[in-house]
PDB file of all heavy atoms in Angstrom:
ATOM      1  N   ASP A   1      -5.847  20.727   3.437  1.00  0.00           N
ATOM      2  CA  ASP A   1      -6.694  19.558   3.163  1.00  0.00           C
ATOM      3  C   ASP A   1      -6.184  18.806   1.939  1.00  0.00           C
ATOM      4  O   ASP A   1      -6.956  18.422   1.037  1.00  0.00           O
ATOM      5  CB  ASP A   1      -8.144  19.981   2.944  1.00  0.00           C
ATOM      6  CG  ASP A   1      -8.768  20.558   4.219  1.00  0.00           C
ATOM      7  OD1 ASP A   1      -8.498  19.996   5.306  1.00  0.00           O
ATOM      8  OD2 ASP A   1      -9.490  21.557   4.128  1.00  0.00           O
ATOM      9  N   CYS A   2      -4.907  18.594   1.905  1.00  0.00           N
ATOM     10  CA  CYS A   2      -4.232  17.919   0.780  1.00  0.00           C
ATOM     11  C   CYS A   2      -3.999  16.445   1.124  1.00  0.00           C
ATOM     12  O   CYS A   2      -3.338  16.140   2.122  1.00  0.00           O
ATOM     13  CB  CYS A   2      -2.905  18.605   0.476  1.00  0.00           C
ATOM     14  SG  CYS A   2      -1.983  17.855  -0.867  1.00  0.00           S
ATOM     15  N   GLU A   3      -4.561  15.559   0.333  1.00  0.00           N
ATOM     16  CA  GLU A   3      -4.440  14.122   0.580  1.00  0.00           C
ATOM     17  C   GLU A   3      -3.365  13.521  -0.310  1.00  0.00           C
ATOM     18  O   GLU A   3      -3.291  13.816  -1.496  1.00  0.00           O
ATOM     19  CB  GLU A   3      -5.773  13.439   0.298  1.00  0.00           C
ATOM     20  CG  GLU A   3      -5.758  11.933   0.564  1.00  0.00           C
ATOM     21  CD  GLU A   3      -7.088  11.255   0.278  1.00  0.00           C
ATOM     22  OE1 GLU A   3      -8.126  11.977   0.215  1.00  0.00           O
ATOM     23  OE2 GLU A   3      -7.117  10.019   0.114  1.00  0.00           O
ATOM     24  N   VAL A   4      -2.545  12.670   0.264  1.00  0.00           N
ATOM     25  CA  VAL A   4      -1.490  11.973  -0.481  1.00  0.00           C
ATOM     26  C   VAL A   4      -1.967  10.571  -0.852  1.00  0.00           C
ATOM     27  O   VAL A   4      -2.494   9.839  -0.005  1.00  0.00           O
ATOM     28  CB  VAL A   4      -0.181  11.894   0.311  1.00  0.00           C
ATOM     29  CG1 VAL A   4       0.881  11.081  -0.415  1.00  0.00           C
ATOM     30  CG2 VAL A   4       0.336  13.299   0.626  1.00  0.00           C
ATOM     31  N   ILE A   5      -1.806  10.224  -2.127  1.00  0.00           N
ATOM     32  CA  ILE A   5      -2.236   8.913  -2.632  1.00  0.00           C
ATOM     33  C   ILE A   5      -1.029   8.224  -3.275  1.00  0.00           C
ATOM     34  O   ILE A   5      -0.238   8.861  -3.979  1.00  0.00           O
ATOM     35  CB  ILE A   5      -3.379   9.059  -3.652  1.00  0.00           C
ATOM     36  CG1 ILE A   5      -4.608   9.633  -2.948  1.00  0.00           C
ATOM     37  CG2 ILE A   5      -3.715   7.718  -4.312  1.00  0.00           C
ATOM     38  CD1 ILE A   5      -5.788   9.874  -3.869  1.00  0.00           C
ATOM     39  N   GLY A   6      -0.908   6.935  -3.007  1.00  0.00           N
ATOM     40  CA  GLY A   6       0.215   6.188  -3.543  1.00  0.00           C
ATOM     41  C   GLY A   6      -0.121   5.415  -4.797  1.00  0.00           C
ATOM     42  O   GLY A   6      -1.260   4.969  -4.984  1.00  0.00           O
ATOM     43  N   GLY A   7       0.866   5.258  -5.655  1.00  0.00           N
ATOM     44  CA  GLY A   7       0.783   4.377  -6.794  1.00  0.00           C
ATOM     45  C   GLY A   7       1.749   3.238  -6.614  1.00  0.00           C
ATOM     46  O   GLY A   7       2.895   3.443  -6.178  1.00  0.00           O
ATOM     47  N   GLU A   8       1.312   2.031  -6.927  1.00  0.00           N
ATOM     48  CA  GLU A   8       2.142   0.848  -6.668  1.00  0.00           C
ATOM     49  C   GLU A   8       1.925  -0.185  -7.769  1.00  0.00           C
ATOM     50  O   GLU A   8       0.804  -0.389  -8.234  1.00  0.00           O
ATOM     51  CB  GLU A   8       1.783   0.252  -5.306  1.00  0.00           C
ATOM     52  CG  GLU A   8       2.736  -0.824  -4.830  1.00  0.00           C
ATOM     53  CD  GLU A   8       2.459  -1.273  -3.404  1.00  0.00           C
ATOM     54  OE1 GLU A   8       1.256  -1.361  -3.032  1.00  0.00           O
ATOM     55  OE2 GLU A   8       3.426  -1.533  -2.666  1.00  0.00           O
ATOM     56  N   PRO A   9       2.997  -0.867  -8.203  1.00  0.00           N
ATOM     57  CA  PRO A   9       2.831  -1.921  -9.201  1.00  0.00           C
ATOM     58  C   PRO A   9       2.049  -3.110  -8.650  1.00  0.00           C
ATOM     59  O   PRO A   9       2.252  -3.500  -7.499  1.00  0.00           O
ATOM     60  CB  PRO A   9       4.263  -2.333  -9.541  1.00  0.00           C
ATOM     61  CG  PRO A   9       5.133  -1.244  -9.005  1.00  0.00           C
ATOM     62  CD  PRO A   9       4.405  -0.666  -7.835  1.00  0.00           C
ATOM     63  N   LEU A  10       1.188  -3.674  -9.451  1.00  0.00           N
ATOM     64  CA  LEU A  10       0.498  -4.899  -9.056  1.00  0.00           C
ATOM     65  C   LEU A  10       1.487  -6.006  -8.740  1.00  0.00           C
ATOM     66  O   LEU A  10       1.206  -6.879  -7.902  1.00  0.00           O
ATOM     67  CB  LEU A  10      -0.441  -5.347 -10.188  1.00  0.00           C
ATOM     68  CG  LEU A  10      -1.857  -4.761 -10.193  1.00  0.00           C
ATOM     69  CD1 LEU A  10      -2.514  -5.009 -11.542  1.00  0.00           C
ATOM     70  CD2 LEU A  10      -2.699  -5.370  -9.076  1.00  0.00           C
ATOM     71  N   GLU A  11       2.630  -5.995  -9.423  1.00  0.00           N
ATOM     72  CA  GLU A  11       3.616  -7.050  -9.251  1.00  0.00           C
ATOM     73  C   GLU A  11       4.463  -6.886  -7.987  1.00  0.00           C
ATOM     74  O   GLU A  11       5.282  -7.747  -7.681  1.00  0.00           O
ATOM     75  CB  GLU A  11       4.558  -7.086 -10.474  1.00  0.00           C
ATOM     76  CG  GLU A  11       3.858  -7.420 -11.776  1.00  0.00           C
ATOM     77  CD  GLU A  11       3.328  -8.852 -11.831  1.00  0.00           C
ATOM     78  OE1 GLU A  11       3.908  -9.711 -11.148  1.00  0.00           O
ATOM     79  OE2 GLU A  11       2.341  -9.104 -12.536  1.00  0.00           O
ATOM     80  N   ALA A  12       4.269  -5.794  -7.256  1.00  0.00           N
ATOM     81  CA  ALA A  12       4.998  -5.554  -6.002  1.00  0.00           C
ATOM     82  C   ALA A  12       4.122  -4.699  -5.102  1.00  0.00           C
ATOM     83  O   ALA A  12       4.437  -3.566  -4.797  1.00  0.00           O
ATOM     84  CB  ALA A  12       6.345  -4.882  -6.270  1.00  0.00           C
ATOM     85  N   ASP A  13       2.984  -5.273  -4.701  1.00  0.00           N
ATOM     86  CA  ASP A  13       1.941  -4.493  -4.020  1.00  0.00           C
ATOM     87  C   ASP A  13       1.909  -4.712  -2.518  1.00  0.00           C
ATOM     88  O   ASP A  13       0.862  -4.716  -1.891  1.00  0.00           O
ATOM     89  CB  ASP A  13       0.569  -4.835  -4.620  1.00  0.00           C
ATOM     90  CG  ASP A  13       0.127  -6.259  -4.359  1.00  0.00           C
ATOM     91  OD1 ASP A  13       0.980  -7.086  -3.944  1.00  0.00           O
ATOM     92  OD2 ASP A  13      -1.068  -6.551  -4.534  1.00  0.00           O
ATOM     93  N   ASP A  14       3.099  -4.818  -1.896  1.00  0.00           N
ATOM     94  CA  ASP A  14       3.146  -5.071  -0.461  1.00  0.00           C
ATOM     95  C   ASP A  14       2.539  -3.944   0.366  1.00  0.00           C
ATOM     96  O   ASP A  14       1.922  -4.193   1.406  1.00  0.00           O
ATOM     97  CB  ASP A  14       4.609  -5.312  -0.029  1.00  0.00           C
ATOM     98  CG  ASP A  14       5.505  -4.142  -0.376  1.00  0.00           C
ATOM     99  OD1 ASP A  14       5.734  -3.923  -1.580  1.00  0.00           O
ATOM    100  OD2 ASP A  14       5.995  -3.449   0.549  1.00  0.00           O
ATOM    101  N   ALA A  15       2.693  -2.690  -0.082  1.00  0.00           N
ATOM    102  CA  ALA A  15       2.130  -1.561   0.701  1.00  0.00           C
ATOM    103  C   ALA A  15       0.602  -1.599   0.673  1.00  0.00           C
ATOM    104  O   ALA A  15      -0.044  -1.369   1.696  1.00  0.00           O
ATOM    105  CB  ALA A  15       2.640  -0.238   0.138  1.00  0.00           C
ATOM    106  N   TYR A  16       0.049  -1.885  -0.486  1.00  0.00           N
ATOM    107  CA  TYR A  16      -1.421  -2.006  -0.615  1.00  0.00           C
ATOM    108  C   TYR A  16      -1.933  -3.079   0.347  1.00  0.00           C
ATOM    109  O   TYR A  16      -2.903  -2.869   1.083  1.00  0.00           O
ATOM    110  CB  TYR A  16      -1.775  -2.355  -2.049  1.00  0.00           C
ATOM    111  CG  TYR A  16      -3.240  -2.615  -2.305  1.00  0.00           C
ATOM    112  CD1 TYR A  16      -4.129  -1.577  -2.596  1.00  0.00           C
ATOM    113  CD2 TYR A  16      -3.763  -3.916  -2.254  1.00  0.00           C
ATOM    114  CE1 TYR A  16      -5.474  -1.811  -2.832  1.00  0.00           C
ATOM    115  CE2 TYR A  16      -5.110  -4.168  -2.478  1.00  0.00           C
ATOM    116  CZ  TYR A  16      -5.951  -3.108  -2.777  1.00  0.00           C
ATOM    117  OH  TYR A  16      -7.280  -3.365  -2.995  1.00  0.00           O
ATOM    118  N   ARG A  17      -1.295  -4.247   0.342  1.00  0.00           N
ATOM    119  CA  ARG A  17      -1.722  -5.340   1.211  1.00  0.00           C
ATOM    120  C   ARG A  17      -1.442  -5.056   2.688  1.00  0.00           C
ATOM    121  O   ARG A  17      -2.204  -5.481   3.550  1.00  0.00           O
ATOM    122  CB  ARG A  17      -1.045  -6.644   0.780  1.00  0.00           C
ATOM    123  CG  ARG A  17      -1.562  -7.156  -0.579  1.00  0.00           C
ATOM    124  CD  ARG A  17      -0.918  -8.467  -0.992  1.00  0.00           C
ATOM    125  NE  ARG A  17       0.449  -8.299  -1.471  1.00  0.00           N
ATOM    126  CZ  ARG A  17       1.534  -8.668  -0.814  1.00  0.00           C
ATOM    127  NH1 ARG A  17       1.436  -9.270   0.370  1.00  0.00           N
ATOM    128  NH2 ARG A  17       2.741  -8.451  -1.320  1.00  0.00           N
ATOM    129  N   SER A  18      -0.385  -4.306   2.957  1.00  0.00           N
ATOM    130  CA  SER A  18      -0.054  -3.942   4.350  1.00  0.00           C
ATOM    131  C   SER A  18      -1.118  -3.041   4.955  1.00  0.00           C
ATOM    132  O   SER A  18      -1.493  -3.195   6.117  1.00  0.00           O
ATOM    133  CB  SER A  18       1.316  -3.262   4.395  1.00  0.00           C
ATOM    134  OG  SER A  18       2.340  -4.135   3.974  1.00  0.00           O
ATOM    135  N   LEU A  19      -1.604  -2.084   4.146  1.00  0.00           N
ATOM    136  CA  LEU A  19      -2.681  -1.208   4.657  1.00  0.00           C
ATOM    137  C   LEU A  19      -3.933  -2.011   4.981  1.00  0.00           C
ATOM    138  O   LEU A  19      -4.623  -1.737   5.955  1.00  0.00           O
ATOM    139  CB  LEU A  19      -3.012  -0.130   3.614  1.00  0.00           C
ATOM    140  CG  LEU A  19      -2.250   1.190   3.670  1.00  0.00           C
ATOM    141  CD1 LEU A  19      -2.877   2.207   2.714  1.00  0.00           C
ATOM    142  CD2 LEU A  19      -2.214   1.769   5.078  1.00  0.00           C
ATOM    143  N   LEU A  20      -4.223  -3.008   4.159  1.00  0.00           N
ATOM    144  CA  LEU A  20      -5.410  -3.828   4.374  1.00  0.00           C
ATOM    145  C   LEU A  20      -5.279  -4.710   5.608  1.00  0.00           C
ATOM    146  O   LEU A  20      -6.230  -4.849   6.395  1.00  0.00           O
ATOM    147  CB  LEU A  20      -5.688  -4.703   3.146  1.00  0.00           C
ATOM    148  CG  LEU A  20      -6.200  -4.022   1.886  1.00  0.00           C
ATOM    149  CD1 LEU A  20      -6.369  -5.030   0.756  1.00  0.00           C
ATOM    150  CD2 LEU A  20      -7.510  -3.287   2.143  1.00  0.00           C
ATOM    151  N   SER A  21      -4.116  -5.305   5.806  1.00  0.00           N
ATOM    152  CA  SER A  21      -3.927  -6.281   6.884  1.00  0.00           C
ATOM    153  C   SER A  21      -3.553  -5.635   8.213  1.00  0.00           C
ATOM    154  O   SER A  21      -3.717  -6.234   9.276  1.00  0.00           O
ATOM    155  CB  SER A  21      -2.849  -7.297   6.504  1.00  0.00           C
ATOM    156  OG  SER A  21      -1.562  -6.690   6.470  1.00  0.00           O
ATOM    157  N   GLY A  22      -3.007  -4.413   8.143  1.00  0.00           N
ATOM    158  CA  GLY A  22      -2.580  -3.751   9.361  1.00  0.00           C
ATOM    159  C   GLY A  22      -1.209  -4.166   9.852  1.00  0.00           C
ATOM    160  O   GLY A  22      -0.783  -3.810  10.932  1.00  0.00           O
ATOM    161  N   LYS A  23      -0.464  -4.902   9.017  1.00  0.00           N
ATOM    162  CA  LYS A  23       0.904  -5.294   9.358  1.00  0.00           C
ATOM    163  C   LYS A  23       1.741  -5.293   8.090  1.00  0.00           C
ATOM    164  O   LYS A  23       1.205  -5.314   6.985  1.00  0.00           O
ATOM    165  CB  LYS A  23       0.946  -6.674  10.022  1.00  0.00           C
ATOM    166  CG  LYS A  23       0.410  -7.823   9.164  1.00  0.00           C
ATOM    167  CD  LYS A  23       0.353  -9.101   9.978  1.00  0.00           C
ATOM    168  CE  LYS A  23      -0.212 -10.266   9.168  1.00  0.00           C
ATOM    169  NZ  LYS A  23       0.667 -10.724   8.097  1.00  0.00           N
ATOM    170  N   ILE A  24       3.057  -5.229   8.257  1.00  0.00           N
ATOM    171  CA  ILE A  24       3.950  -5.162   7.102  1.00  0.00           C
ATOM    172  C   ILE A  24       3.937  -6.482   6.354  1.00  0.00           C
ATOM    173  O   ILE A  24       4.255  -7.534   6.917  1.00  0.00           O
ATOM    174  CB  ILE A  24       5.377  -4.806   7.529  1.00  0.00           C
ATOM    175  CG1 ILE A  24       5.418  -3.415   8.169  1.00  0.00           C
ATOM    176  CG2 ILE A  24       6.317  -4.858   6.329  1.00  0.00           C
ATOM    177  CD1 ILE A  24       6.777  -3.008   8.695  1.00  0.00           C
ATOM    178  N   GLU A  25       3.514  -6.426   5.091  1.00  0.00           N
ATOM    179  CA  GLU A  25       3.497  -7.614   4.247  1.00  0.00           C
ATOM    180  C   GLU A  25       4.750  -7.615   3.355  1.00  0.00           C
ATOM    181  O   GLU A  25       5.406  -6.587   3.144  1.00  0.00           O
ATOM    182  CB  GLU A  25       2.256  -7.603   3.349  1.00  0.00           C
ATOM    183  CG  GLU A  25       0.945  -7.569   4.123  1.00  0.00           C
ATOM    184  CD  GLU A  25       0.617  -8.895   4.800  1.00  0.00           C
ATOM    185  OE1 GLU A  25       1.294  -9.886   4.511  1.00  0.00           O
ATOM    186  OE2 GLU A  25      -0.315  -8.908   5.634  1.00  0.00           O
ATOM    187  N   THR A  26       5.069  -8.793   2.826  1.00  0.00           N
ATOM    188  CA  THR A  26       6.237  -8.925   1.954  1.00  0.00           C
ATOM    189  C   THR A  26       5.782  -9.331   0.555  1.00  0.00           C
ATOM    190  O   THR A  26       4.632  -9.710   0.341  1.00  0.00           O
ATOM    191  CB  THR A  26       7.213  -9.980   2.498  1.00  0.00           C
ATOM    192  OG1 THR A  26       6.531 -11.239   2.600  1.00  0.00           O
ATOM    193  CG2 THR A  26       7.723  -9.581   3.880  1.00  0.00           C
TER     194      THR A  26
END
């Protein structure tokens, strides 16, 4: 039951936005 959490810079937050939108953001 180990959860993986990502850390991402605000200045390059494409992964954060990709999870929200459901598609790869740039």
